Amino acid sequence: MLSRLARLESIQLSRFEGTGAAQVLVDDTSYAIPLEGIIDLDAEKARLAKAAAAAEKERDSLAGRLSNPNFVERAKPEAVEKARADHAEKSAEAERYRAALERLG
């Protein structure tokens, strides 16, 4: 069924030690789908690097705002909380992009 749904030519149950694969975790099992020849890995790496850099830039901007005592003291509490939430979100987003980039090799 998986072969048909994913339009795969074959499925091999073996240990994947390489890079350049999409990885899916299901319970305690990790499945790797080699992407070489399916997508342009260099273009995907460039896209992920650009997205990571944008998230990091936004994260750093929010960190600068939050480290400014004038902002924290004078801004409405809702604005400060939103900035903190946005900072946490951008930090997590940057980490996800960097992890994905690392998995591609």
PDB file of N, CA and C in Angstrom:
ATOM      1  N   MET A   1       0.819  -1.183   0.000  1.00  0.00           N
ATOM      2  CA  MET A   1       0.000   0.000   0.000  1.00  0.00           C
ATOM      3  C   MET A   1       0.871   1.257   0.000  1.00  0.00           C
ATOM      4  N   LEU A   2       1.947   1.248   0.791  1.00  0.00           N
ATOM      5  CA  LEU A   2       2.848   2.397   0.843  1.00  0.00           C
ATOM      6  C   LEU A   2       3.460   2.672  -0.526  1.00  0.00           C
ATOM      7  N   SER A   3       3.864   1.636  -1.203  1.00  0.00           N
ATOM      8  CA  SER A   3       4.446   1.793  -2.543  1.00  0.00           C
ATOM      9  C   SER A   3       3.473   2.468  -3.484  1.00  0.00           C
ATOM     10  N   ARG A   4       2.240   2.056  -3.438  1.00  0.00           N
ATOM     11  CA  ARG A   4       1.238   2.613  -4.336  1.00  0.00           C
ATOM     12  C   ARG A   4       0.922   4.065  -3.972  1.00  0.00           C
ATOM     13  N   LEU A   5       0.719   4.333  -2.694  1.00  0.00           N
ATOM     14  CA  LEU A   5       0.381   5.692  -2.271  1.00  0.00           C
ATOM     15  C   LEU A   5       1.501   6.686  -2.559  1.00  0.00           C
ATOM     16  N   ALA A   6       2.728   6.255  -2.324  1.00  0.00           N
ATOM     17  CA  ALA A   6       3.871   7.146  -2.521  1.00  0.00           C
ATOM     18  C   ALA A   6       4.469   7.037  -3.914  1.00  0.00           C
ATOM     19  N   ARG A   7       3.904   6.172  -4.732  1.00  0.00           N
ATOM     20  CA  ARG A   7       4.395   5.946  -6.092  1.00  0.00           C
ATOM     21  C   ARG A   7       5.881   5.560  -6.084  1.00  0.00           C
ATOM     22  N   LEU A   8       6.208   4.625  -5.220  1.00  0.00           N
ATOM     23  CA  LEU A   8       7.579   4.153  -5.091  1.00  0.00           C
ATOM     24  C   LEU A   8       7.798   2.942  -5.981  1.00  0.00           C
ATOM     25  N   GLU A   9       8.997   2.860  -6.533  1.00  0.00           N
ATOM     26  CA  GLU A   9       9.340   1.692  -7.332  1.00  0.00           C
ATOM     27  C   GLU A   9       9.600   0.492  -6.442  1.00  0.00           C
ATOM     28  N   SER A  10      10.221   0.741  -5.282  1.00  0.00           N
ATOM     29  CA  SER A  10      10.504  -0.354  -4.369  1.00  0.00           C
ATOM     30  C   SER A  10      10.685   0.193  -2.961  1.00  0.00           C
ATOM     31  N   ILE A  11      10.584  -0.697  -2.004  1.00  0.00           N
ATOM     32  CA  ILE A  11      10.831  -0.372  -0.610  1.00  0.00           C
ATOM     33  C   ILE A  11      11.881  -1.341  -0.111  1.00  0.00           C
ATOM     34  N   GLN A  12      12.916  -0.798   0.506  1.00  0.00           N
ATOM     35  CA  GLN A  12      13.967  -1.640   1.059  1.00  0.00           C
ATOM     36  C   GLN A  12      14.000  -1.418   2.565  1.00  0.00           C
ATOM     37  N   LEU A  13      13.896  -2.480   3.307  1.00  0.00           N
ATOM     38  CA  LEU A  13      13.999  -2.402   4.750  1.00  0.00           C
ATOM     39  C   LEU A  13      15.445  -2.670   5.128  1.00  0.00           C
ATOM     40  N   SER A  14      16.198  -1.581   5.247  1.00  0.00           N
ATOM     41  CA  SER A  14      17.606  -1.698   5.609  1.00  0.00           C
ATOM     42  C   SER A  14      18.005  -0.440   6.368  1.00  0.00           C
ATOM     43  N   ARG A  15      19.163  -0.495   6.929  1.00  0.00           N
ATOM     44  CA  ARG A  15      19.689   0.639   7.686  1.00  0.00           C
ATOM     45  C   ARG A  15      20.218   1.678   6.707  1.00  0.00           C
ATOM     46  N   PHE A  16      19.793   2.929   6.852  1.00  0.00           N
ATOM     47  CA  PHE A  16      20.258   4.007   5.982  1.00  0.00           C
ATOM     48  C   PHE A  16      21.285   4.815   6.746  1.00  0.00           C
ATOM     49  N   GLU A  17      22.517   4.812   6.291  1.00  0.00           N
ATOM     50  CA  GLU A  17      23.606   5.490   6.981  1.00  0.00           C
ATOM     51  C   GLU A  17      24.016   6.782   6.293  1.00  0.00           C
ATOM     52  N   GLY A  18      23.446   7.067   5.143  1.00  0.00           N
ATOM     53  CA  GLY A  18      23.866   8.225   4.368  1.00  0.00           C
ATOM     54  C   GLY A  18      23.219   9.523   4.798  1.00  0.00           C
ATOM     55  N   THR A  19      23.403  10.535   3.967  1.00  0.00           N
ATOM     56  CA  THR A  19      22.769  11.824   4.170  1.00  0.00           C
ATOM     57  C   THR A  19      21.908  12.103   2.953  1.00  0.00           C
ATOM     58  N   GLY A  20      21.244  13.236   2.956  1.00  0.00           N
ATOM     59  CA  GLY A  20      20.421  13.597   1.813  1.00  0.00           C
ATOM     60  C   GLY A  20      19.123  12.827   1.766  1.00  0.00           C
ATOM     61  N   ALA A  21      18.506  12.666   2.939  1.00  0.00           N
ATOM     62  CA  ALA A  21      17.258  11.915   3.002  1.00  0.00           C
ATOM     63  C   ALA A  21      16.260  12.635   3.897  1.00  0.00           C
ATOM     64  N   ALA A  22      15.005  12.446   3.586  1.00  0.00           N
ATOM     65  CA  ALA A  22      13.945  12.897   4.473  1.00  0.00           C
ATOM     66  C   ALA A  22      13.785  11.814   5.529  1.00  0.00           C
ATOM     67  N   GLN A  23      13.628  12.238   6.760  1.00  0.00           N
ATOM     68  CA  GLN A  23      13.527  11.266   7.833  1.00  0.00           C
ATOM     69  C   GLN A  23      12.191  11.452   8.546  1.00  0.00           C
ATOM     70  N   VAL A  24      11.525  10.347   8.792  1.00  0.00           N
ATOM     71  CA  VAL A  24      10.233  10.359   9.470  1.00  0.00           C
ATOM     72  C   VAL A  24      10.328   9.424  10.669  1.00  0.00           C
ATOM     73  N   LEU A  25       9.903   9.908  11.830  1.00  0.00           N
ATOM     74  CA  LEU A  25       9.900   9.086  13.031  1.00  0.00           C
ATOM     75  C   LEU A  25       8.478   8.657  13.336  1.00  0.00           C
ATOM     76  N   VAL A  26       8.283   7.351  13.483  1.00  0.00           N
ATOM     77  CA  VAL A  26       6.992   6.800  13.854  1.00  0.00           C
ATOM     78  C   VAL A  26       7.235   5.907  15.060  1.00  0.00           C
ATOM     79  N   ASP A  27       6.673   6.307  16.190  1.00  0.00           N
ATOM     80  CA  ASP A  27       6.924   5.628  17.457  1.00  0.00           C
ATOM     81  C   ASP A  27       8.438   5.586  17.685  1.00  0.00           C
ATOM     82  N   ASP A  28       9.005   4.408  17.772  1.00  0.00           N
ATOM     83  CA  ASP A  28      10.446   4.284  17.994  1.00  0.00           C
ATOM     84  C   ASP A  28      11.194   3.920  16.725  1.00  0.00           C
ATOM     85  N   THR A  29      10.534   3.989  15.593  1.00  0.00           N
ATOM     86  CA  THR A  29      11.143   3.592  14.335  1.00  0.00           C
ATOM     87  C   THR A  29      11.387   4.805  13.463  1.00  0.00           C
ATOM     88  N   SER A  30      12.564   4.864  12.870  1.00  0.00           N
ATOM     89  CA  SER A  30      12.937   5.956  11.976  1.00  0.00           C
ATOM     90  C   SER A  30      12.950   5.440  10.546  1.00  0.00           C
ATOM     91  N   TYR A  31      12.264   6.157   9.658  1.00  0.00           N
ATOM     92  CA  TYR A  31      12.225   5.802   8.250  1.00  0.00           C
ATOM     93  C   TYR A  31      12.935   6.892   7.461  1.00  0.00           C
ATOM     94  N   ALA A  32      13.807   6.504   6.559  1.00  0.00           N
ATOM     95  CA  ALA A  32      14.552   7.460   5.726  1.00  0.00           C
ATOM     96  C   ALA A  32      14.149   7.271   4.279  1.00  0.00           C
ATOM     97  N   ILE A  33      13.911   8.389   3.610  1.00  0.00           N
ATOM     98  CA  ILE A  33      13.582   8.355   2.186  1.00  0.00           C
ATOM     99  C   ILE A  33      14.679   9.109   1.455  1.00  0.00           C
ATOM    100  N   PRO A  34      15.601   8.411   0.779  1.00  0.00           N
ATOM    101  CA  PRO A  34      16.678   9.093   0.049  1.00  0.00           C
ATOM    102  C   PRO A  34      16.089  10.050  -0.991  1.00  0.00           C
ATOM    103  N   LEU A  35      16.610  11.262  -1.008  1.00  0.00           N
ATOM    104  CA  LEU A  35      16.069  12.293  -1.892  1.00  0.00           C
ATOM    105  C   LEU A  35      16.957  12.595  -3.094  1.00  0.00           C
ATOM    106  N   GLU A  36      18.154  12.037  -3.111  1.00  0.00           N
ATOM    107  CA  GLU A  36      19.062  12.296  -4.222  1.00  0.00           C
ATOM    108  C   GLU A  36      18.438  11.799  -5.516  1.00  0.00           C
ATOM    109  N   GLY A  37      18.404  12.651  -6.508  1.00  0.00           N
ATOM    110  CA  GLY A  37      17.813  12.326  -7.790  1.00  0.00           C
ATOM    111  C   GLY A  37      16.327  12.635  -7.855  1.00  0.00           C
ATOM    112  N   ILE A  38      15.706  12.895  -6.702  1.00  0.00           N
ATOM    113  CA  ILE A  38      14.284  13.222  -6.659  1.00  0.00           C
ATOM    114  C   ILE A  38      14.095  14.733  -6.585  1.00  0.00           C
ATOM    115  N   ILE A  39      14.891  15.373  -5.738  1.00  0.00           N
ATOM    116  CA  ILE A  39      14.846  16.829  -5.643  1.00  0.00           C
ATOM    117  C   ILE A  39      16.251  17.367  -5.836  1.00  0.00           C
ATOM    118  N   ASP A  40      16.352  18.628  -6.142  1.00  0.00           N
ATOM    119  CA  ASP A  40      17.644  19.291  -6.284  1.00  0.00           C
ATOM    120  C   ASP A  40      18.143  19.616  -4.874  1.00  0.00           C
ATOM    121  N   LEU A  41      19.062  18.787  -4.361  1.00  0.00           N
ATOM    122  CA  LEU A  41      19.542  18.946  -2.993  1.00  0.00           C
ATOM    123  C   LEU A  41      20.216  20.290  -2.769  1.00  0.00           C
ATOM    124  N   ASP A  42      20.961  20.776  -3.751  1.00  0.00           N
ATOM    125  CA  ASP A  42      21.631  22.068  -3.583  1.00  0.00           C
ATOM    126  C   ASP A  42      20.614  23.200  -3.458  1.00  0.00           C
ATOM    127  N   ALA A  43      19.561  23.150  -4.263  1.00  0.00           N
ATOM    128  CA  ALA A  43      18.517  24.171  -4.185  1.00  0.00           C
ATOM    129  C   ALA A  43      17.780  24.084  -2.856  1.00  0.00           C
ATOM    130  N   GLU A  44      17.519  22.873  -2.386  1.00  0.00           N
ATOM    131  CA  GLU A  44      16.827  22.702  -1.106  1.00  0.00           C
ATOM    132  C   GLU A  44      17.697  23.177   0.046  1.00  0.00           C
ATOM    133  N   LYS A  45      19.001  22.895  -0.025  1.00  0.00           N
ATOM    134  CA  LYS A  45      19.920  23.375   1.005  1.00  0.00           C
ATOM    135  C   LYS A  45      19.957  24.900   1.016  1.00  0.00           C
ATOM    136  N   ALA A  46      19.984  25.512  -0.155  1.00  0.00           N
ATOM    137  CA  ALA A  46      19.985  26.974  -0.246  1.00  0.00           C
ATOM    138  C   ALA A  46      18.691  27.549   0.322  1.00  0.00           C
ATOM    139  N   ARG A  47      17.565  26.916   0.026  1.00  0.00           N
ATOM    140  CA  ARG A  47      16.278  27.387   0.533  1.00  0.00           C
ATOM    141  C   ARG A  47      16.233  27.295   2.053  1.00  0.00           C
ATOM    142  N   LEU A  48      16.689  26.162   2.590  1.00  0.00           N
ATOM    143  CA  LEU A  48      16.693  25.987   4.038  1.00  0.00           C
ATOM    144  C   LEU A  48      17.643  26.966   4.723  1.00  0.00           C
ATOM    145  N   ALA A  49      18.819  27.191   4.128  1.00  0.00           N
ATOM    146  CA  ALA A  49      19.779  28.135   4.703  1.00  0.00           C
ATOM    147  C   ALA A  49      19.206  29.549   4.712  1.00  0.00           C
ATOM    148  N   LYS A  50      18.541  29.925   3.640  1.00  0.00           N
ATOM    149  CA  LYS A  50      17.936  31.260   3.556  1.00  0.00           C
ATOM    150  C   LYS A  50      16.816  31.403   4.592  1.00  0.00           C
ATOM    151  N   ALA A  51      15.984  30.385   4.728  1.00  0.00           N
ATOM    152  CA  ALA A  51      14.895  30.431   5.702  1.00  0.00           C
ATOM    153  C   ALA A  51      15.439  30.456   7.129  1.00  0.00           C
ATOM    154  N   ALA A  52      16.501  29.695   7.392  1.00  0.00           N
ATOM    155  CA  ALA A  52      17.114  29.688   8.717  1.00  0.00           C
ATOM    156  C   ALA A  52      17.704  31.053   9.040  1.00  0.00           C
ATOM    157  N   ALA A  53      18.373  31.653   8.069  1.00  0.00           N
ATOM    158  CA  ALA A  53      18.967  32.973   8.286  1.00  0.00           C
ATOM    159  C   ALA A  53      17.891  34.018   8.564  1.00  0.00           C
ATOM    160  N   ALA A  54      16.771  33.955   7.864  1.00  0.00           N
ATOM    161  CA  ALA A  54      15.678  34.906   8.088  1.00  0.00           C
ATOM    162  C   ALA A  54      15.083  34.725   9.485  1.00  0.00           C
ATOM    163  N   ALA A  55      14.890  33.482   9.899  1.00  0.00           N
ATOM    164  CA  ALA A  55      14.345  33.209  11.234  1.00  0.00           C
ATOM    165  C   ALA A  55      15.325  33.665  12.309  1.00  0.00           C
ATOM    166  N   GLU A  56      16.620  33.433  12.088  1.00  0.00           N
ATOM    167  CA  GLU A  56      17.632  33.858  13.052  1.00  0.00           C
ATOM    168  C   GLU A  56      17.710  35.379  13.143  1.00  0.00           C
ATOM    169  N   LYS A  57      17.573  36.057  12.014  1.00  0.00           N
ATOM    170  CA  LYS A  57      17.599  37.520  12.010  1.00  0.00           C
ATOM    171  C   LYS A  57      16.425  38.076  12.807  1.00  0.00           C
ATOM    172  N   GLU A  58      15.243  37.514  12.581  1.00  0.00           N
ATOM    173  CA  GLU A  58      14.050  37.948  13.319  1.00  0.00           C
ATOM    174  C   GLU A  58      14.193  37.627  14.804  1.00  0.00           C
ATOM    175  N   ARG A  59      14.711  36.431  15.111  1.00  0.00           N
ATOM    176  CA  ARG A  59      14.944  36.039  16.503  1.00  0.00           C
ATOM    177  C   ARG A  59      15.882  37.002  17.197  1.00  0.00           C
ATOM    178  N   ASP A  60      16.977  37.364  16.520  1.00  0.00           N
ATOM    179  CA  ASP A  60      17.956  38.273  17.100  1.00  0.00           C
ATOM    180  C   ASP A  60      17.387  39.678  17.283  1.00  0.00           C
ATOM    181  N   SER A  61      16.555  40.105  16.347  1.00  0.00           N
ATOM    182  CA  SER A  61      15.904  41.407  16.464  1.00  0.00           C
ATOM    183  C   SER A  61      14.982  41.435  17.681  1.00  0.00           C
ATOM    184  N   LEU A  62      14.217  40.372  17.855  1.00  0.00           N
ATOM    185  CA  LEU A  62      13.329  40.291  19.017  1.00  0.00           C
ATOM    186  C   LEU A  62      14.118  40.202  20.315  1.00  0.00           C
ATOM    187  N   ALA A  63      15.243  39.488  20.294  1.00  0.00           N
ATOM    188  CA  ALA A  63      16.090  39.391  21.489  1.00  0.00           C
ATOM    189  C   ALA A  63      16.635  40.767  21.857  1.00  0.00           C
ATOM    190  N   GLY A  64      17.012  41.540  20.833  1.00  0.00           N
ATOM    191  CA  GLY A  64      17.496  42.897  21.093  1.00  0.00           C
ATOM    192  C   GLY A  64      16.420  43.763  21.709  1.00  0.00           C
ATOM    193  N   ARG A  65      15.210  43.647  21.194  1.00  0.00           N
ATOM    194  CA  ARG A  65      14.099  44.423  21.740  1.00  0.00           C
ATOM    195  C   ARG A  65      13.819  44.008  23.182  1.00  0.00           C
ATOM    196  N   LEU A  66      13.838  42.706  23.446  1.00  0.00           N
ATOM    197  CA  LEU A  66      13.551  42.214  24.789  1.00  0.00           C
ATOM    198  C   LEU A  66      14.665  42.530  25.790  1.00  0.00           C
ATOM    199  N   SER A  67      15.881  42.697  25.304  1.00  0.00           N
ATOM    200  CA  SER A  67      16.987  43.028  26.204  1.00  0.00           C
ATOM    201  C   SER A  67      17.066  44.522  26.485  1.00  0.00           C
ATOM    202  N   ASN A  68      16.229  45.319  25.809  1.00  0.00           N
ATOM    203  CA  ASN A  68      16.186  46.765  26.023  1.00  0.00           C
ATOM    204  C   ASN A  68      15.267  47.047  27.213  1.00  0.00           C
ATOM    205  N   PRO A  69      15.825  47.536  28.318  1.00  0.00           N
ATOM    206  CA  PRO A  69      14.989  47.799  29.502  1.00  0.00           C
ATOM    207  C   PRO A  69      13.867  48.801  29.225  1.00  0.00           C
ATOM    208  N   ASN A  70      14.104  49.764  28.358  1.00  0.00           N
ATOM    209  CA  ASN A  70      13.065  50.744  28.045  1.00  0.00           C
ATOM    210  C   ASN A  70      11.842  50.075  27.414  1.00  0.00           C
ATOM    211  N   PHE A  71      12.079  49.140  26.524  1.00  0.00           N
ATOM    212  CA  PHE A  71      10.959  48.439  25.886  1.00  0.00           C
ATOM    213  C   PHE A  71      10.184  47.636  26.916  1.00  0.00           C
ATOM    214  N   VAL A  72      10.900  46.855  27.722  1.00  0.00           N
ATOM    215  CA  VAL A  72      10.251  45.969  28.687  1.00  0.00           C
ATOM    216  C   VAL A  72       9.468  46.769  29.729  1.00  0.00           C
ATOM    217  N   GLU A  73      10.004  47.911  30.160  1.00  0.00           N
ATOM    218  CA  GLU A  73       9.352  48.708  31.197  1.00  0.00           C
ATOM    219  C   GLU A  73       8.202  49.547  30.659  1.00  0.00           C
ATOM    220  N   ARG A  74       8.345  50.081  29.449  1.00  0.00           N
ATOM    221  CA  ARG A  74       7.370  51.041  28.942  1.00  0.00           C
ATOM    222  C   ARG A  74       6.291  50.440  28.043  1.00  0.00           C
ATOM    223  N   ALA A  75       6.570  49.334  27.433  1.00  0.00           N
ATOM    224  CA  ALA A  75       5.597  48.729  26.520  1.00  0.00           C
ATOM    225  C   ALA A  75       4.459  48.087  27.318  1.00  0.00           C
ATOM    226  N   LYS A  76       3.342  47.940  26.641  1.00  0.00           N
ATOM    227  CA  LYS A  76       2.218  47.251  27.272  1.00  0.00           C
ATOM    228  C   LYS A  76       2.628  45.815  27.557  1.00  0.00           C
ATOM    229  N   PRO A  77       2.155  45.253  28.659  1.00  0.00           N
ATOM    230  CA  PRO A  77       2.511  43.857  28.984  1.00  0.00           C
ATOM    231  C   PRO A  77       2.165  42.886  27.857  1.00  0.00           C
ATOM    232  N   GLU A  78       1.060  43.152  27.131  1.00  0.00           N
ATOM    233  CA  GLU A  78       0.689  42.276  26.019  1.00  0.00           C
ATOM    234  C   GLU A  78       1.744  42.307  24.919  1.00  0.00           C
ATOM    235  N   ALA A  79       2.312  43.489  24.669  1.00  0.00           N
ATOM    236  CA  ALA A  79       3.338  43.617  23.626  1.00  0.00           C
ATOM    237  C   ALA A  79       4.606  42.875  24.027  1.00  0.00           C
ATOM    238  N   VAL A  80       4.963  42.965  25.297  1.00  0.00           N
ATOM    239  CA  VAL A  80       6.158  42.262  25.783  1.00  0.00           C
ATOM    240  C   VAL A  80       5.940  40.756  25.700  1.00  0.00           C
ATOM    241  N   GLU A  81       4.770  40.279  26.111  1.00  0.00           N
ATOM    242  CA  GLU A  81       4.473  38.848  26.033  1.00  0.00           C
ATOM    243  C   GLU A  81       4.459  38.355  24.592  1.00  0.00           C
ATOM    244  N   LYS A  82       3.900  39.165  23.688  1.00  0.00           N
ATOM    245  CA  LYS A  82       3.888  38.793  22.271  1.00  0.00           C
ATOM    246  C   LYS A  82       5.319  38.711  21.743  1.00  0.00           C
ATOM    247  N   ALA A  83       6.166  39.664  22.115  1.00  0.00           N
ATOM    248  CA  ALA A  83       7.561  39.636  21.672  1.00  0.00           C
ATOM    249  C   ALA A  83       8.265  38.393  22.202  1.00  0.00           C
ATOM    250  N   ARG A  84       7.987  38.025  23.451  1.00  0.00           N
ATOM    251  CA  ARG A  84       8.600  36.817  24.027  1.00  0.00           C
ATOM    252  C   ARG A  84       8.119  35.563  23.303  1.00  0.00           C
ATOM    253  N   ALA A  85       6.825  35.506  23.019  1.00  0.00           N
ATOM    254  CA  ALA A  85       6.276  34.351  22.306  1.00  0.00           C
ATOM    255  C   ALA A  85       6.840  34.278  20.888  1.00  0.00           C
ATOM    256  N   ASP A  86       6.927  35.434  20.222  1.00  0.00           N
ATOM    257  CA  ASP A  86       7.487  35.461  18.868  1.00  0.00           C
ATOM    258  C   ASP A  86       8.952  35.050  18.876  1.00  0.00           C
ATOM    259  N   HIS A  87       9.689  35.480  19.904  1.00  0.00           N
ATOM    260  CA  HIS A  87      11.104  35.109  20.029  1.00  0.00           C
ATOM    261  C   HIS A  87      11.242  33.596  20.173  1.00  0.00           C
ATOM    262  N   ALA A  88      10.421  33.004  21.031  1.00  0.00           N
ATOM    263  CA  ALA A  88      10.469  31.549  21.219  1.00  0.00           C
ATOM    264  C   ALA A  88      10.109  30.829  19.923  1.00  0.00           C
ATOM    265  N   GLU A  89       9.108  31.337  19.219  1.00  0.00           N
ATOM    266  CA  GLU A  89       8.682  30.724  17.956  1.00  0.00           C
ATOM    267  C   GLU A  89       9.786  30.803  16.902  1.00  0.00           C
ATOM    268  N   LYS A  90      10.410  31.961  16.768  1.00  0.00           N
ATOM    269  CA  LYS A  90      11.473  32.130  15.766  1.00  0.00           C
ATOM    270  C   LYS A  90      12.699  31.307  16.135  1.00  0.00           C
ATOM    271  N   SER A  91      12.982  31.176  17.432  1.00  0.00           N
ATOM    272  CA  SER A  91      14.111  30.338  17.862  1.00  0.00           C
ATOM    273  C   SER A  91      13.870  28.888  17.476  1.00  0.00           C
ATOM    274  N   ALA A  92      12.675  28.394  17.742  1.00  0.00           N
ATOM    275  CA  ALA A  92      12.339  27.012  17.394  1.00  0.00           C
ATOM    276  C   ALA A  92      12.346  26.815  15.886  1.00  0.00           C
ATOM    277  N   GLU A  93      11.832  27.794  15.159  1.00  0.00           N
ATOM    278  CA  GLU A  93      11.811  27.707  13.695  1.00  0.00           C
ATOM    279  C   GLU A  93      13.232  27.645  13.131  1.00  0.00           C
ATOM    280  N   ALA A  94      14.123  28.498  13.655  1.00  0.00           N
ATOM    281  CA  ALA A  94      15.509  28.491  13.197  1.00  0.00           C
ATOM    282  C   ALA A  94      16.169  27.143  13.489  1.00  0.00           C
ATOM    283  N   GLU A  95      15.891  26.585  14.658  1.00  0.00           N
ATOM    284  CA  GLU A  95      16.448  25.273  15.001  1.00  0.00           C
ATOM    285  C   GLU A  95      15.949  24.187  14.051  1.00  0.00           C
ATOM    286  N   ARG A  96      14.659  24.227  13.715  1.00  0.00           N
ATOM    287  CA  ARG A  96      14.107  23.225  12.793  1.00  0.00           C
ATOM    288  C   ARG A  96      14.765  23.323  11.423  1.00  0.00           C
ATOM    289  N   TYR A  97      14.938  24.546  10.929  1.00  0.00           N
ATOM    290  CA  TYR A  97      15.583  24.716   9.626  1.00  0.00           C
ATOM    291  C   TYR A  97      17.032  24.229   9.661  1.00  0.00           C
ATOM    292  N   ARG A  98      17.766  24.561  10.713  1.00  0.00           N
ATOM    293  CA  ARG A  98      19.167  24.127  10.824  1.00  0.00           C
ATOM    294  C   ARG A  98      19.251  22.613  10.939  1.00  0.00           C
ATOM    295  N   ALA A  99      18.346  21.995  11.674  1.00  0.00           N
ATOM    296  CA  ALA A  99      18.334  20.530  11.804  1.00  0.00           C
ATOM    297  C   ALA A  99      18.037  19.877  10.465  1.00  0.00           C
ATOM    298  N   ALA A 100      17.079  20.431   9.738  1.00  0.00           N
ATOM    299  CA  ALA A 100      16.747  19.889   8.410  1.00  0.00           C
ATOM    300  C   ALA A 100      17.932  20.038   7.471  1.00  0.00           C
ATOM    301  N   LEU A 101      18.607  21.177   7.548  1.00  0.00           N
ATOM    302  CA  LEU A 101      19.783  21.413   6.710  1.00  0.00           C
ATOM    303  C   LEU A 101      20.883  20.416   7.056  1.00  0.00           C
ATOM    304  N   GLU A 102      21.068  20.153   8.323  1.00  0.00           N
ATOM    305  CA  GLU A 102      22.094  19.190   8.760  1.00  0.00           C
ATOM    306  C   GLU A 102      21.759  17.776   8.269  1.00  0.00           C
ATOM    307  N   ARG A 103      20.476  17.417   8.306  1.00  0.00           N
ATOM    308  CA  ARG A 103      20.086  16.078   7.858  1.00  0.00           C
ATOM    309  C   ARG A 103      20.337  15.888   6.365  1.00  0.00           C
ATOM    310  N   LEU A 104      20.257  16.982   5.600  1.00  0.00           N
ATOM    311  CA  LEU A 104      20.530  16.863   4.168  1.00  0.00           C
ATOM    312  C   LEU A 104      22.012  16.722   3.866  1.00  0.00           C
ATOM    313  N   GLY A 105      22.836  17.065   4.863  1.00  0.00           N
ATOM    314  CA  GLY A 105      24.278  16.867   4.696  1.00  0.00           C
ATOM    315  C   GLY A 105      25.015  18.014   4.190  1.00  0.00           C
TER     316      GLY A 105
END
